[in-house]
Amino acid sequence: MARCLGMMAIISIMMAGLFLKPSWAENLCGEPRTAADLIVCLEEKSPEIQRAKASLAAAEKLVGVAGQIPNPELSAQFSTGKIFQDDDFGGQNVRSSETEVAIVQPIELGGKRSSRKETAKAKIRAAEADLYAARATGRILFLTQFNRLKQLLSEQVLIDEALGTFTKLVGQYQRRPALSPEQEVTVAVFRLAADDYRLRKAEVDDEVTQVHATLALQTGLRPESFAGYLPSRRVEWPTFANDTPLNTPFVAKAEAQVNEAQADLKLAKSESWPILKLGPFFRLETTSNTNDPFYGLQFESPIPVLNLNRKGRAYANQVLMAAETNLDLAKKEQHQSREALLRIYQRSVAILSSTLTDPEVQKKHEKIERLFFQGVVPSALVIEAHRQLVDFETNRNARELAALKAMWGLYALEGKLTEIVP
């Protein structure tokens, strides 16, 4: 299973390389001074964040579009012909013409314009929530890889130390002129242990290669340069209150969808009101010897008899009910997610706080080796001690990463993006 997963990761990295330049071909982040600089750079270069920012910029233009006042409408009509005109000589046909000009201003009733503006503002809030979610997701993914690299390098050190100890012990026994049966078994056991640790080292090296490739594709930095940005092991952990209000992008987007649905319902209700057209009217009647001007006011309005937009209001009301249901579910899901993350975080921090520190582990490691070389500790105990040290480091790293991911997730749910840092 592990081999299959490793092959899949390698294939994904190779496929990504087909579409991206080599990691050192283009330094996307310049020369960052700290890991925080790397995060800022990644947020500027991330395709997901770029798309979210573009969507937000487009949504911000909608308010102006929604607030536009309709243009006045100009209508003109000209007609000409002959009419019979009585006179003292019995009458005659004379040419007559008529010119009509009207300018009317459409007047939207029922709050159509304000409803459109509310809809546009709701779309802005939804786009802002999407941008926040993209930033938080990208930051957490990057920091997960970043901290995992730090952990892998620490595991490499312990494995290399174990390999060095076993190799040194095998060399000491081989320099002896003759070995007792017990010593021969000891040498064989040390060789098996060394081979086992070489296999472990290969697995760790493979994961380091994968993480290096992922980070290099994201930043454009050379793999060997990441060591200068890696964070140290966290010693102090923040506390989270149980009653902290949530400010998640998912709930924010669901609230924006409710606001948009409410605005759409208002707009659907306003459609029951007609659009009036009102403006000045001028007409000029011309015959062969007279010009008769007429002035007035033109009024146009549809008659709301056949259609009061009942179907549109029913549909908008149903969309609003669906949005409110989605908001309730989003709040419940986020509260449940926070409770789960908080339990994982508190459990992990409690375990990490009670475990040995790095200096304590190193001191015990050195003492074990010193006692063995003095002939006080048997070989089996040395092998078991190194196995325990490596297993302890591996398990502690896994628990530390779980605590970090839970901590970042809690910050994201509380709307504290700036707290998600190395």
Protein backbone atom coordinates (compact mmCIF):
# COMPACT_ATOMS: atom_id res chain seq x y z
CA MET A 1 0.00 0.00 0.00
CA ALA A 2 2.76 2.44 0.96
CA ARG A 3 4.63 1.63 -2.25
CA CYS A 4 1.48 2.27 -4.32
CA LEU A 5 0.89 5.59 -2.58
CA GLY A 6 4.49 6.55 -3.16
CA MET A 7 4.25 5.75 -6.85
CA MET A 8 1.03 7.74 -7.17
CA ALA A 9 2.68 10.74 -5.52
CA ILE A 10 5.68 10.49 -7.85
CA ILE A 11 3.40 10.26 -10.91
CA SER A 12 1.40 13.32 -9.76
CA ILE A 13 4.61 15.30 -9.32
CA MET A 14 5.79 14.26 -12.80
CA MET A 15 2.44 15.29 -14.31
CA ALA A 16 2.64 18.65 -12.58
CA GLY A 17 6.10 19.11 -14.03
CA LEU A 18 4.65 18.84 -17.53
CA PHE A 19 2.71 22.06 -16.98
CA LEU A 20 5.10 23.95 -14.71
CA LYS A 21 8.68 25.06 -15.16
CA PRO A 22 11.44 23.42 -13.12
CA SER A 23 11.55 24.64 -9.52
CA TRP A 24 14.74 26.62 -10.04
CA ALA A 25 13.81 27.97 -13.50
CA GLU A 26 11.76 30.84 -12.10
CA ASN A 27 11.99 32.10 -8.53
CA LEU A 28 8.36 33.03 -8.02
CA CYS A 29 8.94 34.50 -4.57
CA GLY A 30 12.16 36.44 -5.12
CA GLU A 31 14.34 36.23 -2.02
CA PRO A 32 11.97 35.80 0.95
CA ARG A 33 13.52 36.56 4.34
CA THR A 34 11.13 34.53 6.48
CA ALA A 35 8.55 31.79 6.16
CA ALA A 36 5.87 34.47 6.54
CA ASP A 37 7.24 36.13 3.37
CA LEU A 38 6.83 32.82 1.58
CA ILE A 39 3.18 32.65 2.64
CA VAL A 40 2.49 36.17 1.37
CA CYS A 41 4.14 35.29 -1.93
CA LEU A 42 2.19 32.07 -2.31
CA GLU A 43 -1.06 33.89 -1.69
CA GLU A 44 -0.21 36.30 -4.48
CA LYS A 45 0.80 33.55 -6.91
CA SER A 46 -1.81 30.88 -6.11
CA PRO A 47 -4.20 30.26 -9.05
CA GLU A 48 -7.12 29.62 -6.67
CA ILE A 49 -6.56 32.90 -4.87
CA GLN A 50 -6.10 34.76 -8.15
CA ARG A 51 -9.43 33.41 -9.39
CA ALA A 52 -11.14 34.34 -6.11
CA LYS A 53 -9.71 37.87 -6.26
CA ALA A 54 -10.86 38.27 -9.86
CA SER A 55 -14.37 37.12 -8.92
CA LEU A 56 -14.44 39.61 -6.04
CA ALA A 57 -13.29 42.46 -8.30
CA ALA A 58 -16.05 41.59 -10.76
CA ALA A 59 -18.67 41.39 -7.99
CA GLU A 60 -17.69 44.82 -6.68
CA LYS A 61 -18.69 46.31 -10.03
CA LEU A 62 -22.22 44.94 -9.72
CA VAL A 63 -23.33 47.57 -7.21
CA GLY A 64 -22.73 50.32 -9.75
CA VAL A 65 -24.50 48.33 -12.44
CA ALA A 66 -27.50 47.67 -10.18
CA GLY A 67 -27.77 51.34 -9.22
CA GLN A 68 -27.92 52.67 -12.76
CA ILE A 69 -30.96 54.81 -13.62
CA PRO A 70 -32.69 53.92 -16.91
CA ASN A 71 -32.08 56.32 -19.77
CA PRO A 72 -34.92 58.58 -20.95
CA GLU A 73 -36.66 57.45 -24.11
CA LEU A 74 -37.20 59.65 -27.14
CA SER A 75 -40.03 58.99 -29.55
CA ALA A 76 -40.76 61.00 -32.72
CA GLN A 77 -43.36 60.67 -35.44
CA PHE A 78 -43.93 62.59 -38.66
CA SER A 79 -46.90 62.24 -41.00
CA THR A 80 -48.07 64.21 -44.06
CA GLY A 81 -51.02 64.19 -46.41
CA LYS A 82 -53.83 66.25 -47.92
CA ILE A 83 -56.96 67.42 -46.19
CA PHE A 84 -60.07 69.18 -47.56
CA GLN A 85 -60.38 72.74 -46.37
CA ASP A 86 -63.58 74.83 -46.80
CA ASP A 87 -63.27 78.41 -48.01
CA ASP A 88 -65.32 81.09 -49.72
CA PHE A 89 -64.74 79.48 -53.09
CA GLY A 90 -66.12 76.06 -52.21
CA GLY A 91 -63.07 74.47 -50.62
CA GLN A 92 -59.91 72.79 -51.79
CA ASN A 93 -57.41 70.07 -50.92
CA VAL A 94 -54.40 71.41 -49.07
CA ARG A 95 -51.27 69.64 -47.86
CA SER A 96 -51.01 69.10 -44.15
CA SER A 97 -48.29 67.60 -41.92
CA GLU A 98 -48.08 66.58 -38.30
CA THR A 99 -44.94 66.19 -36.17
CA GLU A 100 -44.94 64.56 -32.72
CA VAL A 101 -42.01 64.46 -30.30
CA ALA A 102 -42.04 63.02 -26.77
CA ILE A 103 -39.34 62.43 -24.15
CA VAL A 104 -40.31 60.09 -21.32
CA GLN A 105 -38.35 58.93 -18.29
CA PRO A 106 -38.91 55.33 -17.08
CA ILE A 107 -39.70 55.35 -13.35
CA GLU A 108 -39.19 52.04 -11.53
CA LEU A 109 -41.69 51.46 -8.74
CA GLY A 110 -41.72 48.98 -5.87
CA GLY A 111 -38.03 49.21 -4.94
CA LYS A 112 -36.60 47.51 -8.02
CA ARG A 113 -33.38 49.50 -7.98
CA SER A 114 -32.71 49.07 -4.25
CA SER A 115 -33.42 45.33 -4.52
CA ARG A 116 -30.88 44.97 -7.31
CA LYS A 117 -28.29 46.81 -5.21
CA GLU A 118 -28.93 44.51 -2.24
CA THR A 119 -28.44 41.50 -4.50
CA ALA A 120 -25.15 42.92 -5.75
CA LYS A 121 -23.92 43.57 -2.20
CA ALA A 122 -24.77 39.99 -1.24
CA LYS A 123 -22.71 38.73 -4.19
CA ILE A 124 -19.77 40.80 -2.93
CA ARG A 125 -20.03 39.21 0.52
CA ALA A 126 -20.13 35.75 -1.06
CA ALA A 127 -17.04 36.54 -3.16
CA GLU A 128 -15.24 37.83 -0.06
CA ALA A 129 -16.05 34.57 1.72
CA ASP A 130 -14.67 32.59 -1.23
CA LEU A 131 -11.45 34.61 -1.15
CA TYR A 132 -11.04 34.04 2.59
CA ALA A 133 -11.64 30.30 2.14
CA ALA A 134 -9.06 30.16 -0.66
CA ARG A 135 -6.48 31.99 1.46
CA ALA A 136 -7.09 29.80 4.52
CA THR A 137 -7.04 26.55 2.55
CA GLY A 138 -3.89 27.48 0.66
CA ARG A 139 -2.13 28.65 3.79
CA ILE A 140 -2.97 25.49 5.75
CA LEU A 141 -1.88 23.20 2.89
CA PHE A 142 1.42 25.03 2.55
CA LEU A 143 2.14 25.07 6.29
CA THR A 144 1.28 21.38 6.54
CA GLN A 145 3.94 20.56 3.94
CA PHE A 146 6.33 23.04 5.52
CA ASN A 147 6.09 21.56 9.02
CA ARG A 148 6.11 18.02 7.70
CA LEU A 149 9.45 18.74 6.04
CA LYS A 150 10.82 19.92 9.39
CA GLN A 151 9.63 16.68 11.01
CA LEU A 152 11.08 14.48 8.29
CA LEU A 153 14.48 16.10 8.66
CA SER A 154 14.42 15.40 12.41
CA GLU A 155 13.50 11.76 11.73
CA GLN A 156 16.37 11.53 9.27
CA VAL A 157 18.80 12.67 11.98
CA LEU A 158 17.68 9.96 14.41
CA ILE A 159 17.79 7.25 11.76
CA ASP A 160 21.27 8.35 10.66
CA GLU A 161 22.44 8.30 14.29
CA ALA A 162 21.08 4.79 14.75
CA LEU A 163 22.72 3.65 11.53
CA GLY A 164 26.00 5.20 12.62
CA THR A 165 25.84 3.42 15.99
CA PHE A 166 25.08 0.02 14.48
CA THR A 167 27.78 0.42 11.84
CA LYS A 168 30.31 1.42 14.51
CA LEU A 169 29.43 -1.57 16.68
CA VAL A 170 29.66 -4.02 13.80
CA GLY A 171 33.08 -2.59 12.92
CA GLN A 172 34.29 -3.01 16.50
CA TYR A 173 33.29 -6.66 16.57
CA GLN A 174 34.80 -7.36 13.15
CA ARG A 175 38.18 -6.02 14.27
CA ARG A 176 38.40 -8.68 16.93
CA PRO A 177 40.49 -11.74 16.04
CA ALA A 178 37.78 -14.18 17.03
CA LEU A 179 34.15 -13.97 18.07
CA SER A 180 32.24 -16.09 20.51
CA PRO A 181 28.91 -17.58 19.41
CA GLU A 182 27.10 -14.89 21.40
CA GLN A 183 29.16 -12.16 19.75
CA GLU A 184 28.47 -13.59 16.28
CA VAL A 185 24.76 -13.48 17.01
CA THR A 186 25.16 -9.90 18.26
CA VAL A 187 26.90 -8.88 15.02
CA ALA A 188 24.14 -10.53 12.96
CA VAL A 189 21.45 -8.75 14.96
CA PHE A 190 23.19 -5.39 14.53
CA ARG A 191 23.47 -5.95 10.77
CA LEU A 192 19.76 -6.80 10.55
CA ALA A 193 18.95 -3.69 12.57
CA ALA A 194 21.14 -1.57 10.29
CA ASP A 195 19.42 -2.95 7.19
CA ASP A 196 16.03 -2.29 8.76
CA TYR A 197 16.98 1.34 9.42
CA ARG A 198 18.28 1.73 5.87
CA LEU A 199 14.82 0.73 4.65
CA ARG A 200 13.25 3.23 7.04
CA LYS A 201 15.64 5.90 5.84
CA ALA A 202 14.67 5.20 2.22
CA GLU A 203 10.99 5.73 3.05
CA VAL A 204 11.72 8.99 4.85
CA ASP A 205 13.99 10.14 2.01
CA ASP A 206 11.22 9.41 -0.51
CA GLU A 207 8.74 11.52 1.45
CA VAL A 208 11.31 14.33 1.76
CA THR A 209 11.74 14.25 -2.03
CA GLN A 210 7.98 14.48 -2.54
CA VAL A 211 7.58 17.39 -0.12
CA HIS A 212 10.58 19.16 -1.66
CA ALA A 213 9.05 18.79 -5.12
CA THR A 214 5.67 20.12 -3.96
CA LEU A 215 7.16 23.15 -2.22
CA ALA A 216 9.53 23.84 -5.10
CA LEU A 217 6.65 23.86 -7.58
CA GLN A 218 4.76 26.27 -5.35
CA THR A 219 7.60 28.71 -4.68
CA GLY A 220 10.19 28.27 -7.42
CA LEU A 221 12.91 27.90 -4.76
CA ARG A 222 15.60 25.25 -4.82
CA PRO A 223 14.87 22.31 -2.50
CA GLU A 224 18.03 22.84 -0.45
CA SER A 225 16.98 26.40 0.42
CA PHE A 226 13.93 25.39 2.47
CA ALA A 227 16.00 24.45 5.53
CA GLY A 228 16.62 28.11 6.25
CA TYR A 229 12.89 28.85 6.59
CA LEU A 230 11.72 25.86 8.64
CA PRO A 231 10.05 26.67 11.98
CA SER A 232 11.27 25.26 15.27
CA ARG A 233 9.24 22.81 17.31
CA ARG A 234 6.33 24.58 18.97
CA VAL A 235 6.57 24.72 22.75
CA GLU A 236 3.71 27.07 23.70
CA TRP A 237 0.22 26.36 22.45
CA PRO A 238 -2.69 28.84 22.49
CA THR A 239 -5.94 28.16 24.30
CA PHE A 240 -9.36 28.26 22.65
CA ALA A 241 -12.58 29.14 24.46
CA ASN A 242 -15.61 26.95 23.96
CA ASP A 243 -17.97 29.86 23.33
CA THR A 244 -15.90 31.73 20.73
CA PRO A 245 -18.20 33.02 17.96
CA LEU A 246 -17.54 31.51 14.57
CA ASN A 247 -16.76 33.58 11.52
CA THR A 248 -16.25 30.91 8.92
CA PRO A 249 -16.26 31.58 5.19
CA PHE A 250 -18.83 28.80 4.71
CA VAL A 251 -21.33 30.39 7.09
CA ALA A 252 -20.52 33.84 5.68
CA LYS A 253 -21.24 32.62 2.17
CA ALA A 254 -24.46 30.93 3.30
CA GLU A 255 -25.53 34.20 4.97
CA ALA A 256 -24.73 36.08 1.77
CA GLN A 257 -26.88 33.61 -0.17
CA VAL A 258 -29.76 34.26 2.25
CA ASN A 259 -29.33 38.01 1.77
CA GLU A 260 -29.27 37.56 -1.98
CA ALA A 261 -32.41 35.42 -1.88
CA GLN A 262 -34.16 38.04 0.27
CA ALA A 263 -33.20 40.74 -2.21
CA ASP A 264 -34.40 38.57 -5.11
CA LEU A 265 -37.73 38.08 -3.33
CA LYS A 266 -38.07 41.86 -2.93
CA LEU A 267 -37.24 42.24 -6.61
CA ALA A 268 -39.85 39.63 -7.54
CA LYS A 269 -42.44 41.53 -5.48
CA SER A 270 -41.44 44.79 -7.13
CA GLU A 271 -42.08 43.22 -10.54
CA SER A 272 -45.78 43.36 -9.64
CA TRP A 273 -45.46 47.11 -9.89
CA PRO A 274 -45.35 48.58 -13.40
CA ILE A 275 -42.60 50.73 -14.85
CA LEU A 276 -44.08 54.16 -15.48
CA LYS A 277 -42.95 56.33 -18.37
CA LEU A 278 -43.58 60.03 -17.91
CA GLY A 279 -42.40 63.06 -19.84
CA PRO A 280 -43.22 66.16 -21.94
CA PHE A 281 -45.05 65.88 -25.22
CA PHE A 282 -44.97 68.25 -28.25
CA ARG A 283 -47.03 68.15 -31.43
CA LEU A 284 -46.98 70.52 -34.38
CA GLU A 285 -49.76 70.56 -36.98
CA THR A 286 -48.87 72.39 -40.17
CA THR A 287 -51.04 73.30 -43.15
CA SER A 288 -50.35 75.54 -46.08
CA ASN A 289 -50.84 78.73 -44.11
CA THR A 290 -50.99 77.78 -40.43
CA ASN A 291 -48.75 76.24 -37.74
CA ASP A 292 -50.58 74.97 -34.66
CA PRO A 293 -48.32 73.82 -31.79
CA PHE A 294 -49.60 71.60 -28.95
CA TYR A 295 -47.90 70.87 -25.60
CA GLY A 296 -48.71 68.25 -23.04
CA LEU A 297 -47.60 65.40 -20.77
CA GLN A 298 -47.24 61.83 -21.97
CA PHE A 299 -47.90 58.94 -19.59
CA GLU A 300 -47.40 55.25 -20.31
CA SER A 301 -47.89 52.26 -18.01
CA PRO A 302 -48.61 48.56 -18.46
CA ILE A 303 -51.84 47.40 -16.87
CA PRO A 304 -51.14 44.68 -14.24
CA VAL A 305 -54.17 42.55 -15.04
CA LEU A 306 -52.96 39.34 -16.64
CA ASN A 307 -49.70 38.97 -14.74
CA LEU A 308 -48.88 39.99 -11.15
CA ASN A 309 -45.69 37.87 -11.10
CA ARG A 310 -47.18 35.43 -8.60
CA LYS A 311 -45.10 32.57 -10.02
CA GLY A 312 -41.92 34.63 -9.78
CA ARG A 313 -42.64 35.52 -6.15
CA ALA A 314 -43.39 31.89 -5.30
CA TYR A 315 -40.12 30.77 -6.86
CA ALA A 316 -38.11 33.49 -5.09
CA ASN A 317 -39.73 32.57 -1.78
CA GLN A 318 -38.80 28.92 -2.28
CA VAL A 319 -35.20 29.88 -3.06
CA LEU A 320 -35.14 31.93 0.15
CA MET A 321 -36.39 28.95 2.18
CA ALA A 322 -33.69 26.76 0.65
CA ALA A 323 -31.00 29.36 1.44
CA GLU A 324 -32.19 29.63 5.06
CA THR A 325 -32.10 25.84 5.41
CA ASN A 326 -28.59 25.79 3.98
CA LEU A 327 -27.53 28.49 6.47
CA ASP A 328 -28.89 26.52 9.43
CA LEU A 329 -27.10 23.38 8.26
CA ALA A 330 -23.86 25.30 7.65
CA LYS A 331 -23.93 26.68 11.20
CA LYS A 332 -24.54 23.22 12.67
CA GLU A 333 -21.81 21.67 10.55
CA GLN A 334 -19.30 24.35 11.51
CA HIS A 335 -20.12 24.03 15.21
CA GLN A 336 -19.68 20.26 14.99
CA SER A 337 -16.45 20.70 13.05
CA ARG A 338 -15.14 23.14 15.64
CA GLU A 339 -16.02 20.79 18.50
CA ALA A 340 -14.19 17.93 16.77
CA LEU A 341 -11.13 20.10 16.02
CA LEU A 342 -11.11 21.43 19.58
CA ARG A 343 -11.15 17.91 21.04
CA ILE A 344 -8.32 16.81 18.75
CA TYR A 345 -6.34 19.93 19.58
CA GLN A 346 -6.77 19.69 23.34
CA ARG A 347 -5.98 15.97 23.38
CA SER A 348 -2.90 16.47 21.22
CA VAL A 349 -1.58 19.41 23.24
CA ALA A 350 -2.08 17.51 26.50
CA ILE A 351 -0.07 14.57 25.15
CA LEU A 352 2.67 16.74 23.67
CA SER A 353 3.02 18.74 26.88
CA SER A 354 3.65 15.58 28.89
CA THR A 355 6.20 13.99 26.55
CA LEU A 356 9.96 14.34 26.67
CA THR A 357 11.50 17.44 25.14
CA ASP A 358 14.16 17.31 22.43
CA PRO A 359 17.05 17.99 24.87
CA GLU A 360 15.77 15.27 27.20
CA VAL A 361 15.50 12.76 24.37
CA GLN A 362 19.00 13.61 23.15
CA LYS A 363 20.42 13.28 26.67
CA LYS A 364 18.86 9.82 27.15
CA HIS A 365 20.09 8.78 23.73
CA GLU A 366 23.66 9.71 24.55
CA LYS A 367 23.46 7.99 27.94
CA ILE A 368 22.26 4.72 26.39
CA GLU A 369 25.12 4.65 23.91
CA ARG A 370 27.67 5.56 26.57
CA LEU A 371 26.48 2.76 28.85
CA PHE A 372 26.61 0.24 26.04
CA PHE A 373 30.15 1.12 25.01
CA GLN A 374 31.08 0.70 28.65
CA GLY A 375 29.72 -2.84 28.51
CA VAL A 376 26.88 -2.19 30.95
CA VAL A 377 23.92 -2.47 28.56
CA PRO A 378 23.30 -5.55 26.38
CA SER A 379 23.06 -5.24 22.60
CA ALA A 380 19.37 -6.12 22.46
CA LEU A 381 18.58 -3.17 24.72
CA VAL A 382 20.58 -0.82 22.48
CA ILE A 383 18.59 -1.89 19.42
CA GLU A 384 15.33 -1.58 21.32
CA ALA A 385 16.32 1.85 22.64
CA HIS A 386 17.02 3.18 19.13
CA ARG A 387 13.80 1.68 17.83
CA GLN A 388 11.89 3.37 20.63
CA LEU A 389 13.61 6.69 19.92
CA VAL A 390 12.71 6.59 16.22
CA ASP A 391 9.15 5.39 16.90
CA PHE A 392 8.73 8.07 19.56
CA GLU A 393 9.89 10.78 17.16
CA THR A 394 7.60 9.49 14.41
CA ASN A 395 4.56 9.29 16.69
CA ARG A 396 5.28 12.65 18.30
CA ASN A 397 5.62 14.27 14.88
CA ALA A 398 2.30 12.80 13.76
CA ARG A 399 0.58 14.09 16.90
CA GLU A 400 2.24 17.50 16.56
CA LEU A 401 1.05 17.80 12.95
CA ALA A 402 -2.48 16.82 14.04
CA ALA A 403 -2.37 19.54 16.72
CA LEU A 404 -1.11 22.13 14.24
CA LYS A 405 -3.75 21.31 11.64
CA ALA A 406 -6.47 21.43 14.31
CA MET A 407 -5.12 24.77 15.57
CA TRP A 408 -5.05 26.27 12.08
CA GLY A 409 -8.53 24.91 11.41
CA LEU A 410 -9.85 26.56 14.60
CA TYR A 411 -8.29 29.87 13.61
CA ALA A 412 -9.88 29.58 10.17
CA LEU A 413 -13.31 28.87 11.70
CA GLU A 414 -12.96 31.92 13.97
CA GLY A 415 -12.02 34.17 11.05
CA LYS A 416 -8.46 34.72 12.33
CA LEU A 417 -6.54 34.24 9.12
CA THR A 418 -3.54 36.23 10.36
CA GLU A 419 -3.00 33.68 13.15
CA ILE A 420 -2.34 30.88 10.65
CA VAL A 421 1.42 31.35 10.56
CA PRO A 422 4.51 29.09 10.80
